Amino acid sequence: MIHATMQAGSGAGAQHGDGLGQRSLEQLALGPGEVDIWVTVVGDVSDADLAAQLDQVLTDDERAKYGTFVFEKDRRRYLVTRSLARYVLSRYAPVRPAAWRFCTTDFGRPLIVAPEPAVADLVFNISHSDQVVLLGLTRACRLGIDVEDLRRNVPLDLAGSFFSAGEVRQLGALPPAAQPRCFLEFWTLKESYIKAHGKGLSLPLDQFGFELSGDAPLQAYFDPGLHDAPGNWTFWQWRPTAESLAALCVENRPGGEHRVTVRRTIPFARDEQVAFDVMRRSV
C-alpha cells in the first residue's frame, strides 16, 4: 500500500532532463461517484519501458530502494508499481509524474496531501500480486483494493486466526479442493476493507466477515464493537486476469451509485478500457 504526498517543483529526488517524469499528461475526468481501476500486468512491460521509467520517473530514493531487491522479479514489480502510481495520478491532476512524493500514515493508509484543488479530494490505493498491479482511484470517499495470485500457496491452517467464525464455517463446509479459492475470496475482500477503513491490521480480522453464497450478492457483516455497518460500503470481486483474483471496497456516498471503469495500461506507453466482469458484489 502506498500513500502519496504531492509536491510541485524540484528538490531532493527531482528528475533530470525532459523525460517521462516531466511530461504533462492528457487529463481524465473523475466525477462524483466514479471509480477508476488501472491494471498493469508486470510481464507486459518491456525491458526498454522499464529502463526509461527507472531513469526518468522514479526519484533518487526510489531508485535506491529498487537497488536493494535481491531478485529481478521483485525489482520489476517495484518499478512498475511506483511508475504506475505516478503515471495514473498525473492523468487526473496537473502534476508532473516526477513531482509526486509518497508517504504512509501510522496505519499505512494512503493519503494525498495537496496544495491545489485538483488534487485535494483525490483518493487512491494500490495492491500487487507477483504479476498484477492494481490502482483504484476515486474522489472524496475511502477506497481499498486487493489482488492475489490464484496460483499462490494458501495457508488454510491460518483461517482460524484471520477469519470470522462464520467464514471459518463456510470454508470448512467446502470440499478440500475448493477451499484454497474460497480462502482467497475471503482474504481479498477483508484486505480491501481494512485498506479502505484506514487502520490496517489493527482491525480485528475475526470481527467482520462476508457471506458468499453461489450467485447471490455477497453480504458483509460487522461485530458491534467495530461501529460499522454493511450499508456504509460497496464491495466488488472480480478477476483482473485469468490467474488473479481481486476485491474493491468503496465507501458509499449519499445520493448515488458508484460507477466503475477499468483500464489496462503499460504506464507511459498505452492504455485501453476493458470490461469490468464482476463475479459478485454487495447490495
C-alpha atoms as a PDB file:
ATOM      1  CA  MET A   1       0.000   0.000   0.000  1.00  0.00           C
ATOM      2  CA  ILE A   2       1.350   3.401  -0.972  1.00  0.00           C
ATOM      3  CA  HIS A   3       0.484   6.814   0.313  1.00  0.00           C
ATOM      4  CA  ALA A   4       1.157   9.993  -1.521  1.00  0.00           C
ATOM      5  CA  THR A   5       2.184  13.468  -0.675  1.00  0.00           C
ATOM      6  CA  MET A   6       2.285  15.690  -3.732  1.00  0.00           C
ATOM      7  CA  GLN A   7       4.855  18.432  -4.066  1.00  0.00           C
ATOM      8  CA  ALA A   8       5.284  20.539  -7.176  1.00  0.00           C
ATOM      9  CA  GLY A   9       8.714  21.733  -8.167  1.00  0.00           C
ATOM     10  CA  SER A  10      12.222  20.400  -7.753  1.00  0.00           C
ATOM     11  CA  GLY A  11      14.262  19.339  -4.764  1.00  0.00           C
ATOM     12  CA  ALA A  12      15.643  16.084  -3.413  1.00  0.00           C
ATOM     13  CA  GLY A  13      14.764  13.287  -5.782  1.00  0.00           C
ATOM     14  CA  ALA A  14      13.708  15.583  -8.637  1.00  0.00           C
ATOM     15  CA  GLN A  15      14.105  14.118 -12.119  1.00  0.00           C
ATOM     16  CA  HIS A  16      16.645  15.307 -14.666  1.00  0.00           C
ATOM     17  CA  GLY A  17      16.011  16.289 -18.265  1.00  0.00           C
ATOM     18  CA  ASP A  18      12.738  16.288 -20.184  1.00  0.00           C
ATOM     19  CA  GLY A  19      11.865  12.600 -19.991  1.00  0.00           C
ATOM     20  CA  LEU A  20       8.737  10.741 -18.939  1.00  0.00           C
ATOM     21  CA  GLY A  21       8.749  12.174 -15.434  1.00  0.00           C
ATOM     22  CA  GLN A  22       8.499  15.748 -16.704  1.00  0.00           C
ATOM     23  CA  ARG A  23       5.618  15.247 -19.126  1.00  0.00           C
ATOM     24  CA  SER A  24       2.265  16.980 -18.891  1.00  0.00           C
ATOM     25  CA  LEU A  25      -0.156  14.111 -19.432  1.00  0.00           C
ATOM     26  CA  GLU A  26      -3.597  14.151 -21.027  1.00  0.00           C
ATOM     27  CA  GLN A  27      -6.151  14.678 -18.263  1.00  0.00           C
ATOM     28  CA  LEU A  28      -9.057  12.362 -17.479  1.00  0.00           C
ATOM     29  CA  ALA A  29     -12.259  13.431 -15.751  1.00  0.00           C
ATOM     30  CA  LEU A  30     -13.279  11.763 -12.493  1.00  0.00           C
ATOM     31  CA  GLY A  31     -16.656  12.923 -11.274  1.00  0.00           C
ATOM     32  CA  PRO A  32     -18.630  12.234  -8.078  1.00  0.00           C
ATOM     33  CA  GLY A  33     -19.294   8.533  -7.639  1.00  0.00           C
ATOM     34  CA  GLU A  34     -16.831   7.493 -10.335  1.00  0.00           C
ATOM     35  CA  VAL A  35     -14.206   4.866  -9.503  1.00  0.00           C
ATOM     36  CA  ASP A  36     -11.386   4.148 -11.944  1.00  0.00           C
ATOM     37  CA  ILE A  37      -9.289   0.993 -11.704  1.00  0.00           C
ATOM     38  CA  TRP A  38      -5.976   0.681 -13.517  1.00  0.00           C
ATOM     39  CA  VAL A  39      -4.433  -2.730 -14.209  1.00  0.00           C
ATOM     40  CA  THR A  40      -0.839  -3.413 -15.224  1.00  0.00           C
ATOM     41  CA  VAL A  41       0.488  -6.912 -15.859  1.00  0.00           C
ATOM     42  CA  VAL A  42       4.170  -6.793 -14.951  1.00  0.00           C
ATOM     43  CA  GLY A  43       5.139  -9.141 -17.771  1.00  0.00           C
ATOM     44  CA  ASP A  44       3.572  -6.790 -20.351  1.00  0.00           C
ATOM     45  CA  VAL A  45       6.117  -4.044 -19.622  1.00  0.00           C
ATOM     46  CA  SER A  46       9.150  -4.327 -21.892  1.00  0.00           C
ATOM     47  CA  ASP A  47      12.738  -4.024 -20.713  1.00  0.00           C
ATOM     48  CA  ALA A  48      13.048  -0.777 -22.693  1.00  0.00           C
ATOM     49  CA  ASP A  49       9.984   0.729 -20.997  1.00  0.00           C
ATOM     50  CA  LEU A  50      11.295  -0.356 -17.598  1.00  0.00           C
ATOM     51  CA  ALA A  51      14.689   1.219 -18.241  1.00  0.00           C
ATOM     52  CA  ALA A  52      13.088   4.530 -19.238  1.00  0.00           C
ATOM     53  CA  GLN A  53      10.842   4.541 -16.177  1.00  0.00           C
ATOM     54  CA  LEU A  54      13.723   3.769 -13.831  1.00  0.00           C
ATOM     55  CA  ASP A  55      15.854   6.566 -15.267  1.00  0.00           C
ATOM     56  CA  GLN A  56      13.197   9.224 -15.855  1.00  0.00           C
ATOM     57  CA  VAL A  57      10.257   8.637 -13.496  1.00  0.00           C
ATOM     58  CA  LEU A  58      11.493   7.335 -10.147  1.00  0.00           C
ATOM     59  CA  THR A  59      13.092   9.608  -7.574  1.00  0.00           C
ATOM     60  CA  ASP A  60      16.620   9.094  -6.287  1.00  0.00           C
ATOM     61  CA  ASP A  61      15.227   7.466  -3.132  1.00  0.00           C
ATOM     62  CA  GLU A  62      13.052   5.113  -5.164  1.00  0.00           C
ATOM     63  CA  ARG A  63      15.977   4.134  -7.365  1.00  0.00           C
ATOM     64  CA  ALA A  64      17.995   3.392  -4.238  1.00  0.00           C
ATOM     65  CA  LYS A  65      15.165   1.204  -2.912  1.00  0.00           C
ATOM     66  CA  TYR A  66      14.945  -0.524  -6.301  1.00  0.00           C
ATOM     67  CA  GLY A  67      18.591  -1.494  -5.947  1.00  0.00           C
ATOM     68  CA  THR A  68      18.024  -3.230  -2.607  1.00  0.00           C
ATOM     69  CA  PHE A  69      15.876  -6.024  -4.050  1.00  0.00           C
ATOM     70  CA  VAL A  70      17.769  -9.286  -4.469  1.00  0.00           C
ATOM     71  CA  PHE A  71      15.539 -10.857  -7.107  1.00  0.00           C
ATOM     72  CA  GLU A  72      14.856  -9.413 -10.537  1.00  0.00           C
ATOM     73  CA  LYS A  73      11.130 -10.194 -10.330  1.00  0.00           C
ATOM     74  CA  ASP A  74      10.855  -8.077  -7.179  1.00  0.00           C
ATOM     75  CA  ARG A  75      12.754  -5.192  -8.781  1.00  0.00           C
ATOM     76  CA  ARG A  76      10.469  -5.255 -11.814  1.00  0.00           C
ATOM     77  CA  ARG A  77       7.306  -5.327  -9.731  1.00  0.00           C
ATOM     78  CA  TYR A  78       8.511  -2.477  -7.507  1.00  0.00           C
ATOM     79  CA  LEU A  79       9.406  -0.348 -10.516  1.00  0.00           C
ATOM     80  CA  VAL A  80       6.078  -0.994 -12.249  1.00  0.00           C
ATOM     81  CA  THR A  81       4.156  -0.208  -9.052  1.00  0.00           C
ATOM     82  CA  ARG A  82       5.863   3.131  -8.479  1.00  0.00           C
ATOM     83  CA  SER A  83       5.699   4.115 -12.128  1.00  0.00           C
ATOM     84  CA  LEU A  84       2.004   3.218 -12.339  1.00  0.00           C
ATOM     85  CA  ALA A  85       1.196   5.389  -9.317  1.00  0.00           C
ATOM     86  CA  ARG A  86       2.982   8.418 -10.748  1.00  0.00           C
ATOM     87  CA  TYR A  87       1.527   7.932 -14.218  1.00  0.00           C
ATOM     88  CA  VAL A  88      -2.071   7.434 -13.120  1.00  0.00           C
ATOM     89  CA  LEU A  89      -2.148  10.257 -10.581  1.00  0.00           C
ATOM     90  CA  SER A  90      -0.846  12.633 -13.229  1.00  0.00           C
ATOM     91  CA  ARG A  91      -3.738  11.655 -15.526  1.00  0.00           C
ATOM     92  CA  TYR A  92      -6.148  13.209 -13.022  1.00  0.00           C
ATOM     93  CA  ALA A  93      -4.197  16.213 -11.766  1.00  0.00           C
ATOM     94  CA  PRO A  94      -1.949  18.779 -13.479  1.00  0.00           C
ATOM     95  CA  VAL A  95       1.163  17.493 -11.730  1.00  0.00           C
ATOM     96  CA  ARG A  96       4.259  16.109 -13.443  1.00  0.00           C
ATOM     97  CA  PRO A  97       4.775  12.395 -12.717  1.00  0.00           C
ATOM     98  CA  ALA A  98       8.164  13.042 -11.123  1.00  0.00           C
ATOM     99  CA  ALA A  99       6.719  15.672  -8.759  1.00  0.00           C
ATOM    100  CA  TRP A 100       4.676  13.282  -6.618  1.00  0.00           C
ATOM    101  CA  ARG A 101       6.105  12.329  -3.234  1.00  0.00           C
ATOM    102  CA  PHE A 102       4.900   9.279  -1.323  1.00  0.00           C
ATOM    103  CA  CYS A 103       4.499   8.552   2.387  1.00  0.00           C
ATOM    104  CA  THR A 104       2.333   6.447   4.695  1.00  0.00           C
ATOM    105  CA  THR A 105       0.313   7.086   7.808  1.00  0.00           C
ATOM    106  CA  ASP A 106       0.967   5.151  11.018  1.00  0.00           C
ATOM    107  CA  PHE A 107      -1.579   2.596   9.794  1.00  0.00           C
ATOM    108  CA  GLY A 108      -0.271   2.514   6.213  1.00  0.00           C
ATOM    109  CA  ARG A 109      -3.281   4.429   4.940  1.00  0.00           C
ATOM    110  CA  PRO A 110      -2.742   6.142   1.542  1.00  0.00           C
ATOM    111  CA  LEU A 111      -3.170   9.917   1.620  1.00  0.00           C
ATOM    112  CA  ILE A 112      -2.617  12.715  -0.832  1.00  0.00           C
ATOM    113  CA  VAL A 113      -1.603  15.982   0.788  1.00  0.00           C
ATOM    114  CA  ALA A 114      -2.106  18.501  -1.969  1.00  0.00           C
ATOM    115  CA  PRO A 115      -1.543  22.226  -2.439  1.00  0.00           C
ATOM    116  CA  GLU A 116      -4.043  22.666  -5.255  1.00  0.00           C
ATOM    117  CA  PRO A 117      -7.795  21.990  -5.619  1.00  0.00           C
ATOM    118  CA  ALA A 118      -7.480  19.448  -8.447  1.00  0.00           C
ATOM    119  CA  VAL A 119      -5.735  17.040  -6.063  1.00  0.00           C
ATOM    120  CA  ALA A 120      -7.392  17.845  -2.752  1.00  0.00           C
ATOM    121  CA  ASP A 121     -10.136  15.182  -2.830  1.00  0.00           C
ATOM    122  CA  LEU A 122      -8.299  12.528  -4.860  1.00  0.00           C
ATOM    123  CA  VAL A 123      -8.131   9.153  -3.075  1.00  0.00           C
ATOM    124  CA  PHE A 124      -6.211   6.119  -4.312  1.00  0.00           C
ATOM    125  CA  ASN A 125      -4.999   2.710  -3.221  1.00  0.00           C
ATOM    126  CA  ILE A 126      -2.564   0.200  -4.731  1.00  0.00           C
ATOM    127  CA  SER A 127      -2.176  -3.559  -4.471  1.00  0.00           C
ATOM    128  CA  HIS A 128       0.011  -6.065  -6.266  1.00  0.00           C
ATOM    129  CA  SER A 129       0.488  -9.789  -6.623  1.00  0.00           C
ATOM    130  CA  ASP A 130       3.545 -11.324  -8.271  1.00  0.00           C
ATOM    131  CA  GLN A 131       2.330 -10.429 -11.757  1.00  0.00           C
ATOM    132  CA  VAL A 132      -0.510  -7.894 -11.453  1.00  0.00           C
ATOM    133  CA  VAL A 133      -0.529  -4.338 -10.098  1.00  0.00           C
ATOM    134  CA  LEU A 134      -3.866  -2.610  -9.429  1.00  0.00           C
ATOM    135  CA  LEU A 135      -4.538   1.029  -8.638  1.00  0.00           C
ATOM    136  CA  GLY A 136      -8.011   2.197  -7.621  1.00  0.00           C
ATOM    137  CA  LEU A 137      -8.917   5.877  -7.667  1.00  0.00           C
ATOM    138  CA  THR A 138     -11.926   7.964  -6.677  1.00  0.00           C
ATOM    139  CA  ARG A 139     -12.818  11.306  -5.122  1.00  0.00           C
ATOM    140  CA  ALA A 140     -13.869  12.273  -1.609  1.00  0.00           C
ATOM    141  CA  CYS A 141     -14.561   8.795  -0.223  1.00  0.00           C
ATOM    142  CA  ARG A 142     -12.441   5.985   1.168  1.00  0.00           C
ATOM    143  CA  LEU A 143     -11.342   3.150  -1.075  1.00  0.00           C
ATOM    144  CA  GLY A 144      -9.359  -0.077  -0.722  1.00  0.00           C
ATOM    145  CA  ILE A 145      -8.235  -2.648  -3.285  1.00  0.00           C
ATOM    146  CA  ASP A 146      -6.502  -6.032  -3.099  1.00  0.00           C
ATOM    147  CA  VAL A 147      -5.270  -8.552  -5.656  1.00  0.00           C
ATOM    148  CA  GLU A 148      -3.925 -12.066  -5.122  1.00  0.00           C
ATOM    149  CA  ASP A 149      -2.401 -14.720  -7.369  1.00  0.00           C
ATOM    150  CA  LEU A 150      -4.721 -17.717  -7.668  1.00  0.00           C
ATOM    151  CA  ARG A 151      -1.670 -19.983  -8.017  1.00  0.00           C
ATOM    152  CA  ARG A 152      -0.125 -18.995  -4.681  1.00  0.00           C
ATOM    153  CA  ASN A 153       0.195 -21.355  -1.746  1.00  0.00           C
ATOM    154  CA  VAL A 154      -2.736 -20.742   0.579  1.00  0.00           C
ATOM    155  CA  PRO A 155      -2.235 -21.036   4.379  1.00  0.00           C
ATOM    156  CA  LEU A 156      -5.509 -22.805   5.131  1.00  0.00           C
ATOM    157  CA  ASP A 157      -4.308 -23.617   8.650  1.00  0.00           C
ATOM    158  CA  LEU A 158      -4.408 -19.889   9.481  1.00  0.00           C
ATOM    159  CA  ALA A 159      -8.093 -19.438   8.656  1.00  0.00           C
ATOM    160  CA  GLY A 160      -8.996 -19.577  12.349  1.00  0.00           C
ATOM    161  CA  SER A 161      -6.700 -16.612  13.014  1.00  0.00           C
ATOM    162  CA  PHE A 162      -7.707 -14.474  10.035  1.00  0.00           C
ATOM    163  CA  PHE A 163     -11.392 -15.170   9.562  1.00  0.00           C
ATOM    164  CA  SER A 164     -14.638 -14.750  11.463  1.00  0.00           C
ATOM    165  CA  ALA A 165     -16.415 -17.792  12.883  1.00  0.00           C
ATOM    166  CA  GLY A 166     -18.938 -17.617  10.043  1.00  0.00           C
ATOM    167  CA  GLU A 167     -16.221 -17.539   7.411  1.00  0.00           C
ATOM    168  CA  VAL A 168     -14.441 -20.497   9.020  1.00  0.00           C
ATOM    169  CA  ARG A 169     -17.719 -22.448   8.895  1.00  0.00           C
ATOM    170  CA  GLN A 170     -18.268 -21.598   5.228  1.00  0.00           C
ATOM    171  CA  LEU A 171     -14.712 -22.616   4.389  1.00  0.00           C
ATOM    172  CA  GLY A 172     -14.922 -25.878   6.327  1.00  0.00           C
ATOM    173  CA  ALA A 173     -18.162 -26.873   4.597  1.00  0.00           C
ATOM    174  CA  LEU A 174     -16.443 -26.970   1.205  1.00  0.00           C
ATOM    175  CA  PRO A 175     -14.587 -29.950  -0.264  1.00  0.00           C
ATOM    176  CA  PRO A 176     -10.810 -29.640   0.214  1.00  0.00           C
ATOM    177  CA  ALA A 177     -10.187 -28.850  -3.451  1.00  0.00           C
ATOM    178  CA  ALA A 178     -12.434 -25.767  -3.267  1.00  0.00           C
ATOM    179  CA  GLN A 179     -11.041 -24.354  -0.030  1.00  0.00           C
ATOM    180  CA  PRO A 180      -7.947 -22.507  -1.364  1.00  0.00           C
ATOM    181  CA  ARG A 181     -10.055 -20.474  -3.810  1.00  0.00           C
ATOM    182  CA  CYS A 182     -12.613 -19.644  -1.114  1.00  0.00           C
ATOM    183  CA  PHE A 183      -9.823 -18.620   1.274  1.00  0.00           C
ATOM    184  CA  LEU A 184      -8.575 -16.095  -1.290  1.00  0.00           C
ATOM    185  CA  GLU A 185     -12.099 -14.821  -1.924  1.00  0.00           C
ATOM    186  CA  PHE A 186     -12.482 -14.042   1.769  1.00  0.00           C
ATOM    187  CA  TRP A 187      -8.955 -12.688   2.071  1.00  0.00           C
ATOM    188  CA  THR A 188      -9.185 -10.210  -0.814  1.00  0.00           C
ATOM    189  CA  LEU A 189     -12.489  -8.867   0.493  1.00  0.00           C
ATOM    190  CA  LYS A 190     -11.133  -8.480   4.013  1.00  0.00           C
ATOM    191  CA  GLU A 191      -7.947  -6.806   2.753  1.00  0.00           C
ATOM    192  CA  SER A 192      -9.930  -4.354   0.636  1.00  0.00           C
ATOM    193  CA  TYR A 193     -11.991  -3.374   3.681  1.00  0.00           C
ATOM    194  CA  ILE A 194      -9.106  -2.855   6.095  1.00  0.00           C
ATOM    195  CA  LYS A 195      -7.266  -0.801   3.483  1.00  0.00           C
ATOM    196  CA  ALA A 196     -10.332   1.350   2.842  1.00  0.00           C
ATOM    197  CA  HIS A 197     -11.058   1.721   6.554  1.00  0.00           C
ATOM    198  CA  GLY A 198      -7.561   3.030   7.095  1.00  0.00           C
ATOM    199  CA  LYS A 199      -6.457   1.277  10.275  1.00  0.00           C
ATOM    200  CA  GLY A 200      -4.860  -1.715   8.598  1.00  0.00           C
ATOM    201  CA  LEU A 201      -4.261  -4.884  10.577  1.00  0.00           C
ATOM    202  CA  SER A 202      -5.059  -3.081  13.820  1.00  0.00           C
ATOM    203  CA  LEU A 203      -8.658  -4.020  12.977  1.00  0.00           C
ATOM    204  CA  PRO A 204      -9.536  -7.433  14.450  1.00  0.00           C
ATOM    205  CA  LEU A 205      -9.980  -9.651  11.410  1.00  0.00           C
ATOM    206  CA  ASP A 206     -12.342 -12.044  13.168  1.00  0.00           C
ATOM    207  CA  GLN A 207     -14.848  -9.281  13.985  1.00  0.00           C
ATOM    208  CA  PHE A 208     -16.080  -8.738  10.443  1.00  0.00           C
ATOM    209  CA  GLY A 209     -16.719 -11.069   7.573  1.00  0.00           C
ATOM    210  CA  PHE A 210     -18.620 -11.979   4.441  1.00  0.00           C
ATOM    211  CA  GLU A 211     -21.326 -14.400   3.374  1.00  0.00           C
ATOM    212  CA  LEU A 212     -20.596 -15.923  -0.032  1.00  0.00           C
ATOM    213  CA  SER A 213     -23.427 -17.978  -1.452  1.00  0.00           C
ATOM    214  CA  GLY A 214     -23.373 -19.040  -5.091  1.00  0.00           C
ATOM    215  CA  ASP A 215     -24.613 -16.310  -7.405  1.00  0.00           C
ATOM    216  CA  ALA A 216     -26.283 -14.351  -4.610  1.00  0.00           C
ATOM    217  CA  PRO A 217     -24.930 -10.883  -3.757  1.00  0.00           C
ATOM    218  CA  LEU A 218     -22.169 -11.011  -1.180  1.00  0.00           C
ATOM    219  CA  GLN A 219     -23.090  -9.763   2.271  1.00  0.00           C
ATOM    220  CA  ALA A 220     -20.748  -8.092   4.729  1.00  0.00           C
ATOM    221  CA  TYR A 221     -21.292  -8.147   8.494  1.00  0.00           C
ATOM    222  CA  PHE A 222     -19.578  -6.416  11.400  1.00  0.00           C
ATOM    223  CA  ASP A 223     -19.443  -7.095  15.130  1.00  0.00           C
ATOM    224  CA  PRO A 224     -20.987  -4.252  17.183  1.00  0.00           C
ATOM    225  CA  GLY A 225     -17.586  -3.292  18.588  1.00  0.00           C
ATOM    226  CA  LEU A 226     -16.437  -2.099  15.168  1.00  0.00           C
ATOM    227  CA  HIS A 227     -19.214   0.525  14.982  1.00  0.00           C
ATOM    228  CA  ASP A 228     -19.668  -0.088  11.280  1.00  0.00           C
ATOM    229  CA  ALA A 229     -22.468  -1.318   9.030  1.00  0.00           C
ATOM    230  CA  PRO A 230     -22.731  -3.044   5.626  1.00  0.00           C
ATOM    231  CA  GLY A 231     -24.599  -0.058   4.219  1.00  0.00           C
ATOM    232  CA  ASN A 232     -21.516   2.113   4.603  1.00  0.00           C
ATOM    233  CA  TRP A 233     -19.606   0.238   1.902  1.00  0.00           C
ATOM    234  CA  THR A 234     -19.912  -1.386  -1.510  1.00  0.00           C
ATOM    235  CA  PHE A 235     -17.761  -4.423  -2.337  1.00  0.00           C
ATOM    236  CA  TRP A 236     -16.911  -5.947  -5.708  1.00  0.00           C
ATOM    237  CA  GLN A 237     -14.941  -9.070  -6.567  1.00  0.00           C
ATOM    238  CA  TRP A 238     -13.546  -9.906  -9.994  1.00  0.00           C
ATOM    239  CA  ARG A 239     -10.624 -11.462 -11.853  1.00  0.00           C
ATOM    240  CA  PRO A 240      -8.349  -8.863 -13.486  1.00  0.00           C
ATOM    241  CA  THR A 241      -6.564 -11.701 -15.305  1.00  0.00           C
ATOM    242  CA  ALA A 242      -7.184 -15.425 -15.639  1.00  0.00           C
ATOM    243  CA  GLU A 243      -4.699 -16.156 -12.846  1.00  0.00           C
ATOM    244  CA  SER A 244      -5.605 -13.421 -10.349  1.00  0.00           C
ATOM    245  CA  LEU A 245      -8.455 -12.503  -8.017  1.00  0.00           C
ATOM    246  CA  ALA A 246      -9.240  -9.003  -6.760  1.00  0.00           C
ATOM    247  CA  ALA A 247     -11.636  -7.156  -4.477  1.00  0.00           C
ATOM    248  CA  LEU A 248     -12.610  -3.493  -4.281  1.00  0.00           C
ATOM    249  CA  CYS A 249     -14.209  -1.717  -1.315  1.00  0.00           C
ATOM    250  CA  VAL A 250     -15.553   1.837  -1.664  1.00  0.00           C
ATOM    251  CA  GLU A 251     -17.247   3.982   0.955  1.00  0.00           C
ATOM    252  CA  ASN A 252     -20.829   4.743  -0.021  1.00  0.00           C
ATOM    253  CA  ARG A 253     -21.809   8.335  -0.698  1.00  0.00           C
ATOM    254  CA  PRO A 254     -25.183   9.983  -0.232  1.00  0.00           C
ATOM    255  CA  GLY A 255     -27.430  10.036  -3.244  1.00  0.00           C
ATOM    256  CA  GLY A 256     -25.881   7.753  -5.804  1.00  0.00           C
ATOM    257  CA  GLU A 257     -24.296   4.547  -7.038  1.00  0.00           C
ATOM    258  CA  HIS A 258     -20.633   4.103  -7.795  1.00  0.00           C
ATOM    259  CA  ARG A 259     -19.665   3.771 -11.456  1.00  0.00           C
ATOM    260  CA  VAL A 260     -16.556   1.662 -12.037  1.00  0.00           C
ATOM    261  CA  THR A 261     -14.302   1.912 -15.105  1.00  0.00           C
ATOM    262  CA  VAL A 262     -11.333  -0.403 -15.661  1.00  0.00           C
ATOM    263  CA  ARG A 263      -8.301   0.374 -17.810  1.00  0.00           C
ATOM    264  CA  ARG A 264      -5.385  -1.880 -18.620  1.00  0.00           C
ATOM    265  CA  THR A 265      -2.161   0.025 -19.120  1.00  0.00           C
ATOM    266  CA  ILE A 266       1.545  -0.041 -19.694  1.00  0.00           C
ATOM    267  CA  PRO A 267       2.459   3.201 -17.902  1.00  0.00           C
ATOM    268  CA  PHE A 268       3.514   5.984 -20.277  1.00  0.00           C
ATOM    269  CA  ALA A 269       3.040   3.676 -23.284  1.00  0.00           C
ATOM    270  CA  ARG A 270      -0.596   2.707 -23.890  1.00  0.00           C
ATOM    271  CA  ASP A 271      -3.999   2.323 -22.227  1.00  0.00           C
ATOM    272  CA  GLU A 272      -7.198   0.513 -23.116  1.00  0.00           C
ATOM    273  CA  GLN A 273     -10.555   0.361 -21.398  1.00  0.00           C
ATOM    274  CA  VAL A 274     -11.577  -3.205 -20.570  1.00  0.00           C
ATOM    275  CA  ALA A 275     -14.713  -4.858 -19.241  1.00  0.00           C
ATOM    276  CA  PHE A 276     -15.370  -4.943 -15.503  1.00  0.00           C
ATOM    277  CA  ASP A 277     -16.535  -8.559 -15.312  1.00  0.00           C
ATOM    278  CA  VAL A 278     -17.822  -8.683 -11.753  1.00  0.00           C
ATOM    279  CA  MET A 279     -18.048 -12.103 -10.119  1.00  0.00           C
ATOM    280  CA  ARG A 280     -20.066 -10.787  -7.197  1.00  0.00           C
ATOM    281  CA  ARG A 281     -20.872  -7.528  -5.444  1.00  0.00           C
ATOM    282  CA  SER A 282     -22.636  -6.431  -2.302  1.00  0.00           C
ATOM    283  CA  VAL A 283     -26.138  -4.999  -2.276  1.00  0.00           C
END
